[in-house]
Amino acid sequence: MNQDANYLSKEKFDELTAELEHLKTTRRREIAEQLEYARSLGDLSENAEYEEARNLQAATEDRIRVIEEQLSHARIIEHAKSNSVVSLGSIVTIQKQGEKEEHTYEIVGSAEANMQEHKISHLSPLGSALMEKKKGDTFTFETPKGAQKYKIVTIA
């Protein structure tokens, strides 16, 4: 797996592409209009509107650079043809040893990781421990509370 690659789902790639387009067209134009208005107010050294518009412009340009960088290294995650081993795009259900409760996670690239949505990065301790494992495998990974042992229940 390429460590420099930014693994994204097709949906996240499309979302970032749309955001980039919006920032480069609509948002830049809105900020330019704000700057023009603020300049028309006179003295720029004590002009709060001008300062705010410049800060907004800088933040927007920074976001554009970040998105362009993410997209330039993007690799679209293809859902695995086989559900026999855990890979990027897999949806994995695991069970902690000695417990009945199961947890389901989707393995995604680091840019999409979101615990509220049960999406974990393939680079996280849990994600990397899951990679290349098979249904029924047990695995251990380190947590702040020490080593935890889990079993893979299903892979989708």
N, C-alpha and C. Protein backbone atom coordinates (compact mmCIF):
# COMPACT_ATOMS: atom_id res chain seq x y z
N MET A 1 0.84 -1.18 0.00
CA MET A 1 0.00 0.00 0.00
C MET A 1 0.89 1.25 0.00
N ASN A 2 0.60 2.20 -0.82
CA ASN A 2 1.39 3.43 -0.94
C ASN A 2 1.14 4.33 0.26
N GLN A 3 2.18 4.63 1.05
CA GLN A 3 2.03 5.44 2.25
C GLN A 3 1.74 6.91 1.93
N ASP A 4 2.14 7.39 0.74
CA ASP A 4 1.89 8.77 0.36
C ASP A 4 0.49 8.98 -0.19
N ALA A 5 -0.17 7.89 -0.54
CA ALA A 5 -1.50 7.98 -1.14
C ALA A 5 -2.52 8.42 -0.09
N ASN A 6 -3.51 9.13 -0.55
CA ASN A 6 -4.62 9.57 0.28
C ASN A 6 -5.83 8.76 -0.16
N TYR A 7 -6.15 7.70 0.58
CA TYR A 7 -7.23 6.80 0.18
C TYR A 7 -8.57 7.42 0.51
N LEU A 8 -9.43 7.51 -0.52
CA LEU A 8 -10.75 8.13 -0.38
C LEU A 8 -11.80 7.26 -1.04
N SER A 9 -13.01 7.29 -0.47
CA SER A 9 -14.12 6.65 -1.16
C SER A 9 -14.49 7.53 -2.34
N LYS A 10 -15.22 6.98 -3.28
CA LYS A 10 -15.68 7.77 -4.44
C LYS A 10 -16.53 8.94 -3.97
N GLU A 11 -17.37 8.70 -2.95
CA GLU A 11 -18.25 9.75 -2.42
C GLU A 11 -17.44 10.91 -1.84
N LYS A 12 -16.39 10.60 -1.05
CA LYS A 12 -15.57 11.64 -0.44
C LYS A 12 -14.77 12.38 -1.51
N PHE A 13 -14.28 11.67 -2.52
CA PHE A 13 -13.57 12.31 -3.62
C PHE A 13 -14.48 13.31 -4.32
N ASP A 14 -15.71 12.89 -4.62
CA ASP A 14 -16.67 13.78 -5.28
C ASP A 14 -17.02 14.98 -4.40
N GLU A 15 -17.16 14.74 -3.09
CA GLU A 15 -17.48 15.83 -2.15
C GLU A 15 -16.35 16.87 -2.12
N LEU A 16 -15.11 16.41 -2.06
CA LEU A 16 -13.97 17.34 -2.05
C LEU A 16 -13.84 18.08 -3.38
N THR A 17 -14.11 17.40 -4.48
CA THR A 17 -14.04 18.04 -5.80
C THR A 17 -15.09 19.14 -5.89
N ALA A 18 -16.30 18.88 -5.40
CA ALA A 18 -17.37 19.88 -5.42
C ALA A 18 -17.03 21.06 -4.51
N GLU A 19 -16.48 20.78 -3.34
CA GLU A 19 -16.09 21.86 -2.42
C GLU A 19 -15.01 22.72 -3.04
N LEU A 20 -14.03 22.09 -3.69
CA LEU A 20 -12.96 22.84 -4.34
C LEU A 20 -13.52 23.75 -5.43
N GLU A 21 -14.42 23.23 -6.24
CA GLU A 21 -15.04 24.02 -7.30
C GLU A 21 -15.78 25.23 -6.72
N HIS A 22 -16.53 24.99 -5.64
CA HIS A 22 -17.28 26.08 -4.98
C HIS A 22 -16.32 27.15 -4.45
N LEU A 23 -15.26 26.71 -3.79
CA LEU A 23 -14.30 27.67 -3.23
C LEU A 23 -13.62 28.49 -4.31
N LYS A 24 -13.25 27.84 -5.40
CA LYS A 24 -12.52 28.54 -6.47
C LYS A 24 -13.40 29.49 -7.26
N THR A 25 -14.67 29.23 -7.32
CA THR A 25 -15.56 30.07 -8.13
C THR A 25 -16.38 30.99 -7.23
N THR A 26 -17.40 30.47 -6.64
CA THR A 26 -18.35 31.27 -5.86
C THR A 26 -17.69 31.97 -4.68
N ARG A 27 -16.97 31.23 -3.85
CA ARG A 27 -16.41 31.81 -2.62
C ARG A 27 -15.36 32.87 -2.92
N ARG A 28 -14.48 32.62 -3.87
CA ARG A 28 -13.48 33.62 -4.22
C ARG A 28 -14.14 34.91 -4.70
N ARG A 29 -15.19 34.78 -5.50
CA ARG A 29 -15.90 35.96 -6.01
C ARG A 29 -16.55 36.73 -4.85
N GLU A 30 -17.17 36.02 -3.92
CA GLU A 30 -17.80 36.68 -2.76
C GLU A 30 -16.77 37.45 -1.94
N ILE A 31 -15.62 36.84 -1.71
CA ILE A 31 -14.57 37.49 -0.93
C ILE A 31 -14.01 38.70 -1.67
N ALA A 32 -13.84 38.59 -2.97
CA ALA A 32 -13.36 39.72 -3.77
C ALA A 32 -14.32 40.90 -3.65
N GLU A 33 -15.62 40.61 -3.67
CA GLU A 33 -16.62 41.67 -3.51
C GLU A 33 -16.54 42.30 -2.13
N GLN A 34 -16.32 41.47 -1.09
CA GLN A 34 -16.17 42.00 0.26
C GLN A 34 -14.94 42.88 0.38
N LEU A 35 -13.85 42.44 -0.25
CA LEU A 35 -12.62 43.25 -0.22
C LEU A 35 -12.82 44.58 -0.93
N GLU A 36 -13.49 44.55 -2.06
CA GLU A 36 -13.74 45.77 -2.82
C GLU A 36 -14.59 46.75 -2.00
N TYR A 37 -15.62 46.22 -1.37
CA TYR A 37 -16.47 47.07 -0.53
C TYR A 37 -15.66 47.66 0.63
N ALA A 38 -14.85 46.82 1.28
CA ALA A 38 -14.07 47.29 2.43
C ALA A 38 -13.06 48.36 2.01
N ARG A 39 -12.47 48.21 0.82
CA ARG A 39 -11.53 49.22 0.33
C ARG A 39 -12.23 50.56 0.10
N SER A 40 -13.49 50.47 -0.33
CA SER A 40 -14.24 51.71 -0.61
C SER A 40 -14.55 52.49 0.65
N LEU A 41 -14.40 51.85 1.81
CA LEU A 41 -14.68 52.54 3.08
C LEU A 41 -13.56 53.47 3.51
N GLY A 42 -12.42 53.39 2.83
CA GLY A 42 -11.35 54.34 3.14
C GLY A 42 -10.16 53.70 3.83
N ASP A 43 -9.63 54.38 4.83
CA ASP A 43 -8.40 54.02 5.53
C ASP A 43 -8.35 52.53 5.87
N LEU A 44 -7.42 51.80 5.24
CA LEU A 44 -7.33 50.35 5.44
C LEU A 44 -6.67 49.98 6.76
N SER A 45 -5.89 50.88 7.35
CA SER A 45 -5.17 50.56 8.58
C SER A 45 -6.12 50.36 9.77
N GLU A 46 -7.27 50.98 9.75
CA GLU A 46 -8.23 50.83 10.85
C GLU A 46 -9.58 50.34 10.34
N ASN A 47 -9.54 49.50 9.33
CA ASN A 47 -10.75 49.04 8.68
C ASN A 47 -11.00 47.57 9.04
N ALA A 48 -11.91 47.33 9.98
CA ALA A 48 -12.20 45.97 10.46
C ALA A 48 -12.78 45.10 9.36
N GLU A 49 -13.62 45.67 8.51
CA GLU A 49 -14.22 44.89 7.41
C GLU A 49 -13.14 44.38 6.46
N TYR A 50 -12.16 45.25 6.17
CA TYR A 50 -11.08 44.87 5.27
C TYR A 50 -10.24 43.76 5.90
N GLU A 51 -9.91 43.92 7.18
CA GLU A 51 -9.11 42.92 7.89
C GLU A 51 -9.84 41.57 7.93
N GLU A 52 -11.12 41.60 8.18
CA GLU A 52 -11.92 40.37 8.22
C GLU A 52 -11.96 39.70 6.84
N ALA A 53 -12.14 40.49 5.81
CA ALA A 53 -12.18 39.94 4.45
C ALA A 53 -10.83 39.34 4.06
N ARG A 54 -9.73 39.98 4.46
CA ARG A 54 -8.39 39.44 4.17
C ARG A 54 -8.17 38.12 4.91
N ASN A 55 -8.62 38.04 6.17
CA ASN A 55 -8.49 36.80 6.93
C ASN A 55 -9.31 35.68 6.29
N LEU A 56 -10.51 36.04 5.84
CA LEU A 56 -11.37 35.07 5.18
C LEU A 56 -10.74 34.59 3.87
N GLN A 57 -10.14 35.52 3.16
CA GLN A 57 -9.46 35.17 1.91
C GLN A 57 -8.29 34.22 2.19
N ALA A 58 -7.51 34.49 3.21
CA ALA A 58 -6.38 33.63 3.54
C ALA A 58 -6.86 32.23 3.94
N ALA A 59 -7.91 32.15 4.73
CA ALA A 59 -8.45 30.86 5.16
C ALA A 59 -8.99 30.07 3.97
N THR A 60 -9.64 30.76 3.05
CA THR A 60 -10.19 30.11 1.87
C THR A 60 -9.07 29.58 0.98
N GLU A 61 -8.05 30.39 0.75
CA GLU A 61 -6.92 29.96 -0.08
C GLU A 61 -6.18 28.78 0.57
N ASP A 62 -6.09 28.79 1.90
CA ASP A 62 -5.46 27.68 2.60
C ASP A 62 -6.28 26.40 2.42
N ARG A 63 -7.60 26.50 2.53
CA ARG A 63 -8.46 25.33 2.33
C ARG A 63 -8.35 24.80 0.90
N ILE A 64 -8.25 25.71 -0.06
CA ILE A 64 -8.07 25.30 -1.47
C ILE A 64 -6.78 24.50 -1.61
N ARG A 65 -5.69 25.00 -1.01
CA ARG A 65 -4.41 24.29 -1.09
C ARG A 65 -4.51 22.90 -0.46
N VAL A 66 -5.17 22.80 0.69
CA VAL A 66 -5.31 21.51 1.38
C VAL A 66 -6.09 20.52 0.52
N ILE A 67 -7.21 20.97 -0.04
CA ILE A 67 -8.03 20.08 -0.88
C ILE A 67 -7.26 19.66 -2.13
N GLU A 68 -6.58 20.61 -2.77
CA GLU A 68 -5.81 20.27 -3.97
C GLU A 68 -4.74 19.23 -3.65
N GLU A 69 -4.10 19.37 -2.50
CA GLU A 69 -3.08 18.41 -2.08
C GLU A 69 -3.71 17.04 -1.85
N GLN A 70 -4.86 17.00 -1.16
CA GLN A 70 -5.55 15.73 -0.91
C GLN A 70 -5.93 15.06 -2.23
N LEU A 71 -6.49 15.84 -3.14
CA LEU A 71 -6.94 15.26 -4.41
C LEU A 71 -5.78 14.83 -5.30
N SER A 72 -4.65 15.54 -5.21
CA SER A 72 -3.51 15.18 -6.05
C SER A 72 -2.91 13.83 -5.65
N HIS A 73 -3.09 13.43 -4.40
CA HIS A 73 -2.58 12.15 -3.93
C HIS A 73 -3.70 11.13 -3.72
N ALA A 74 -4.89 11.45 -4.17
CA ALA A 74 -6.05 10.59 -3.92
C ALA A 74 -5.97 9.28 -4.69
N ARG A 75 -6.35 8.25 -4.01
CA ARG A 75 -6.54 6.92 -4.61
C ARG A 75 -7.93 6.49 -4.18
N ILE A 76 -8.77 6.20 -5.16
CA ILE A 76 -10.15 5.80 -4.87
C ILE A 76 -10.16 4.38 -4.32
N ILE A 77 -10.85 4.20 -3.20
CA ILE A 77 -10.99 2.88 -2.59
C ILE A 77 -12.00 2.08 -3.40
N GLU A 78 -11.55 0.97 -3.90
CA GLU A 78 -12.45 0.05 -4.60
C GLU A 78 -12.88 -0.99 -3.58
N HIS A 79 -14.18 -1.21 -3.48
CA HIS A 79 -14.64 -2.23 -2.54
C HIS A 79 -14.11 -3.58 -3.00
N ALA A 80 -13.61 -4.32 -2.04
CA ALA A 80 -12.99 -5.60 -2.34
C ALA A 80 -13.95 -6.55 -3.04
N LYS A 81 -13.43 -7.23 -4.04
CA LYS A 81 -14.25 -8.22 -4.74
C LYS A 81 -14.51 -9.42 -3.83
N SER A 82 -13.56 -9.68 -2.95
CA SER A 82 -13.66 -10.81 -2.03
C SER A 82 -13.83 -10.28 -0.62
N ASN A 83 -14.73 -10.86 0.12
CA ASN A 83 -14.93 -10.48 1.52
C ASN A 83 -14.17 -11.43 2.44
N SER A 84 -13.14 -12.09 1.89
CA SER A 84 -12.43 -13.07 2.69
C SER A 84 -11.35 -12.45 3.59
N VAL A 85 -10.81 -11.28 3.20
CA VAL A 85 -9.82 -10.61 4.04
C VAL A 85 -10.18 -9.13 4.18
N VAL A 86 -9.77 -8.55 5.30
CA VAL A 86 -10.04 -7.14 5.57
C VAL A 86 -9.10 -6.28 4.73
N SER A 87 -9.69 -5.29 4.03
CA SER A 87 -8.91 -4.35 3.25
C SER A 87 -9.63 -3.00 3.27
N LEU A 88 -9.04 -2.00 2.63
CA LEU A 88 -9.70 -0.69 2.55
C LEU A 88 -11.08 -0.88 1.93
N GLY A 89 -12.08 -0.26 2.54
CA GLY A 89 -13.44 -0.36 2.04
C GLY A 89 -14.24 -1.47 2.70
N SER A 90 -13.58 -2.35 3.43
CA SER A 90 -14.28 -3.44 4.12
C SER A 90 -15.12 -2.89 5.27
N ILE A 91 -16.23 -3.56 5.51
CA ILE A 91 -17.03 -3.29 6.71
C ILE A 91 -16.87 -4.52 7.59
N VAL A 92 -16.29 -4.30 8.76
CA VAL A 92 -15.88 -5.40 9.63
C VAL A 92 -16.64 -5.34 10.95
N THR A 93 -17.16 -6.48 11.37
CA THR A 93 -17.79 -6.60 12.68
C THR A 93 -16.84 -7.39 13.57
N ILE A 94 -16.54 -6.81 14.74
CA ILE A 94 -15.62 -7.46 15.67
C ILE A 94 -16.29 -7.61 17.04
N GLN A 95 -15.73 -8.51 17.83
CA GLN A 95 -16.25 -8.78 19.16
C GLN A 95 -15.06 -8.91 20.11
N LYS A 96 -15.11 -8.17 21.21
CA LYS A 96 -14.04 -8.23 22.20
C LYS A 96 -14.12 -9.57 22.92
N GLN A 97 -12.97 -10.15 23.16
CA GLN A 97 -12.92 -11.45 23.84
C GLN A 97 -13.58 -11.34 25.22
N GLY A 98 -14.50 -12.27 25.49
CA GLY A 98 -15.18 -12.30 26.78
C GLY A 98 -16.43 -11.44 26.84
N GLU A 99 -16.79 -10.76 25.74
CA GLU A 99 -17.99 -9.91 25.72
C GLU A 99 -18.92 -10.38 24.61
N LYS A 100 -20.21 -10.04 24.76
CA LYS A 100 -21.21 -10.42 23.75
C LYS A 100 -21.42 -9.31 22.71
N GLU A 101 -21.18 -8.06 23.12
CA GLU A 101 -21.45 -6.91 22.24
C GLU A 101 -20.50 -6.90 21.04
N GLU A 102 -21.08 -6.63 19.87
CA GLU A 102 -20.31 -6.55 18.64
C GLU A 102 -20.22 -5.10 18.19
N HIS A 103 -19.13 -4.78 17.49
CA HIS A 103 -18.92 -3.43 16.95
C HIS A 103 -18.60 -3.55 15.48
N THR A 104 -19.21 -2.68 14.67
CA THR A 104 -19.00 -2.71 13.23
C THR A 104 -18.33 -1.42 12.79
N TYR A 105 -17.29 -1.55 11.97
CA TYR A 105 -16.53 -0.42 11.47
C TYR A 105 -16.28 -0.56 9.98
N GLU A 106 -16.20 0.58 9.31
CA GLU A 106 -15.77 0.60 7.91
C GLU A 106 -14.32 1.05 7.89
N ILE A 107 -13.49 0.34 7.13
CA ILE A 107 -12.07 0.68 7.03
C ILE A 107 -11.91 1.69 5.88
N VAL A 108 -11.44 2.89 6.23
CA VAL A 108 -11.32 3.98 5.25
C VAL A 108 -9.93 4.59 5.31
N GLY A 109 -9.65 5.50 4.38
CA GLY A 109 -8.42 6.27 4.43
C GLY A 109 -8.47 7.27 5.58
N SER A 110 -7.32 7.78 5.98
CA SER A 110 -7.25 8.66 7.14
C SER A 110 -8.06 9.94 6.97
N ALA A 111 -8.24 10.42 5.74
CA ALA A 111 -9.00 11.66 5.52
C ALA A 111 -10.48 11.50 5.83
N GLU A 112 -10.98 10.28 5.82
CA GLU A 112 -12.41 10.04 6.05
C GLU A 112 -12.72 9.48 7.42
N ALA A 113 -11.72 9.18 8.21
CA ALA A 113 -11.95 8.56 9.52
C ALA A 113 -12.87 9.42 10.36
N ASN A 114 -13.88 8.78 10.96
CA ASN A 114 -14.86 9.48 11.78
C ASN A 114 -15.52 8.46 12.70
N MET A 115 -15.16 8.49 13.97
CA MET A 115 -15.68 7.49 14.91
C MET A 115 -17.20 7.57 15.09
N GLN A 116 -17.79 8.77 14.98
CA GLN A 116 -19.24 8.89 15.11
C GLN A 116 -19.95 8.12 14.00
N GLU A 117 -19.31 8.01 12.84
CA GLU A 117 -19.88 7.28 11.71
C GLU A 117 -19.33 5.86 11.62
N HIS A 118 -18.55 5.45 12.64
CA HIS A 118 -17.94 4.11 12.70
C HIS A 118 -17.02 3.86 11.51
N LYS A 119 -16.29 4.91 11.10
CA LYS A 119 -15.31 4.80 10.03
C LYS A 119 -13.94 4.98 10.65
N ILE A 120 -13.09 3.94 10.53
CA ILE A 120 -11.76 4.02 11.13
C ILE A 120 -10.69 3.96 10.03
N SER A 121 -9.62 4.67 10.28
CA SER A 121 -8.51 4.71 9.34
C SER A 121 -7.77 3.38 9.32
N HIS A 122 -7.31 3.02 8.14
CA HIS A 122 -6.50 1.82 8.00
C HIS A 122 -5.14 1.99 8.69
N LEU A 123 -4.80 3.24 9.06
CA LEU A 123 -3.54 3.53 9.74
C LEU A 123 -3.68 3.59 11.25
N SER A 124 -4.93 3.60 11.76
CA SER A 124 -5.15 3.65 13.21
C SER A 124 -4.70 2.33 13.83
N PRO A 125 -4.49 2.31 15.15
CA PRO A 125 -4.08 1.04 15.78
C PRO A 125 -5.06 -0.10 15.50
N LEU A 126 -6.37 0.16 15.63
CA LEU A 126 -7.36 -0.88 15.35
C LEU A 126 -7.40 -1.21 13.86
N GLY A 127 -7.42 -0.19 13.03
CA GLY A 127 -7.48 -0.41 11.58
C GLY A 127 -6.29 -1.21 11.06
N SER A 128 -5.10 -0.85 11.50
CA SER A 128 -3.92 -1.58 11.02
C SER A 128 -3.88 -3.00 11.56
N ALA A 129 -4.41 -3.22 12.78
CA ALA A 129 -4.48 -4.57 13.33
C ALA A 129 -5.46 -5.44 12.54
N LEU A 130 -6.50 -4.82 11.98
CA LEU A 130 -7.52 -5.56 11.22
C LEU A 130 -7.07 -5.92 9.80
N MET A 131 -6.22 -5.11 9.22
CA MET A 131 -5.85 -5.29 7.81
C MET A 131 -5.31 -6.69 7.55
N GLU A 132 -5.80 -7.29 6.45
CA GLU A 132 -5.37 -8.59 5.96
C GLU A 132 -5.82 -9.77 6.83
N LYS A 133 -6.65 -9.51 7.85
CA LYS A 133 -7.17 -10.59 8.68
C LYS A 133 -8.38 -11.21 8.01
N LYS A 134 -8.74 -12.42 8.44
CA LYS A 134 -9.87 -13.16 7.87
C LYS A 134 -10.96 -13.35 8.92
N LYS A 135 -12.16 -13.66 8.44
CA LYS A 135 -13.28 -13.95 9.33
C LYS A 135 -12.88 -15.08 10.27
N GLY A 136 -13.16 -14.87 11.57
CA GLY A 136 -12.82 -15.87 12.58
C GLY A 136 -11.47 -15.65 13.21
N ASP A 137 -10.61 -14.84 12.59
CA ASP A 137 -9.29 -14.56 13.17
C ASP A 137 -9.43 -13.79 14.47
N THR A 138 -8.53 -14.05 15.39
CA THR A 138 -8.43 -13.22 16.59
C THR A 138 -7.19 -12.36 16.42
N PHE A 139 -7.23 -11.17 17.01
CA PHE A 139 -6.10 -10.26 16.89
C PHE A 139 -6.02 -9.42 18.15
N THR A 140 -4.86 -8.87 18.39
CA THR A 140 -4.62 -8.03 19.56
C THR A 140 -4.09 -6.69 19.08
N PHE A 141 -4.52 -5.62 19.74
CA PHE A 141 -3.94 -4.32 19.45
C PHE A 141 -3.83 -3.52 20.74
N GLU A 142 -2.90 -2.59 20.75
CA GLU A 142 -2.61 -1.81 21.95
C GLU A 142 -3.56 -0.62 22.08
N THR A 143 -4.05 -0.41 23.29
CA THR A 143 -4.88 0.75 23.62
C THR A 143 -4.27 1.40 24.86
N PRO A 144 -4.75 2.59 25.23
CA PRO A 144 -4.24 3.20 26.47
C PRO A 144 -4.47 2.30 27.71
N LYS A 145 -5.46 1.42 27.63
CA LYS A 145 -5.74 0.51 28.76
C LYS A 145 -4.98 -0.80 28.63
N GLY A 146 -4.07 -0.89 27.66
CA GLY A 146 -3.30 -2.12 27.46
C GLY A 146 -3.77 -2.88 26.25
N ALA A 147 -3.22 -4.06 26.05
CA ALA A 147 -3.55 -4.89 24.89
C ALA A 147 -4.99 -5.40 24.99
N GLN A 148 -5.71 -5.33 23.88
CA GLN A 148 -7.10 -5.80 23.81
C GLN A 148 -7.17 -6.89 22.75
N LYS A 149 -7.91 -7.94 23.05
CA LYS A 149 -8.03 -9.06 22.13
C LYS A 149 -9.45 -9.10 21.57
N TYR A 150 -9.55 -9.21 20.24
CA TYR A 150 -10.83 -9.22 19.53
C TYR A 150 -10.87 -10.37 18.55
N LYS A 151 -12.08 -10.68 18.11
CA LYS A 151 -12.31 -11.70 17.09
C LYS A 151 -13.10 -11.05 15.95
N ILE A 152 -12.76 -11.40 14.72
CA ILE A 152 -13.50 -10.88 13.56
C ILE A 152 -14.73 -11.77 13.34
N VAL A 153 -15.92 -11.16 13.42
CA VAL A 153 -17.18 -11.88 13.28
C VAL A 153 -17.59 -11.95 11.82
N THR A 154 -17.59 -10.81 11.13
CA THR A 154 -17.95 -10.78 9.72
C THR A 154 -17.11 -9.75 8.97
N ILE A 155 -16.99 -9.95 7.67
CA ILE A 155 -16.34 -9.00 6.77
C ILE A 155 -17.27 -8.82 5.59
N ALA A 156 -17.63 -7.57 5.31
CA ALA A 156 -18.52 -7.30 4.17
C ALA A 156 -17.83 -6.36 3.21
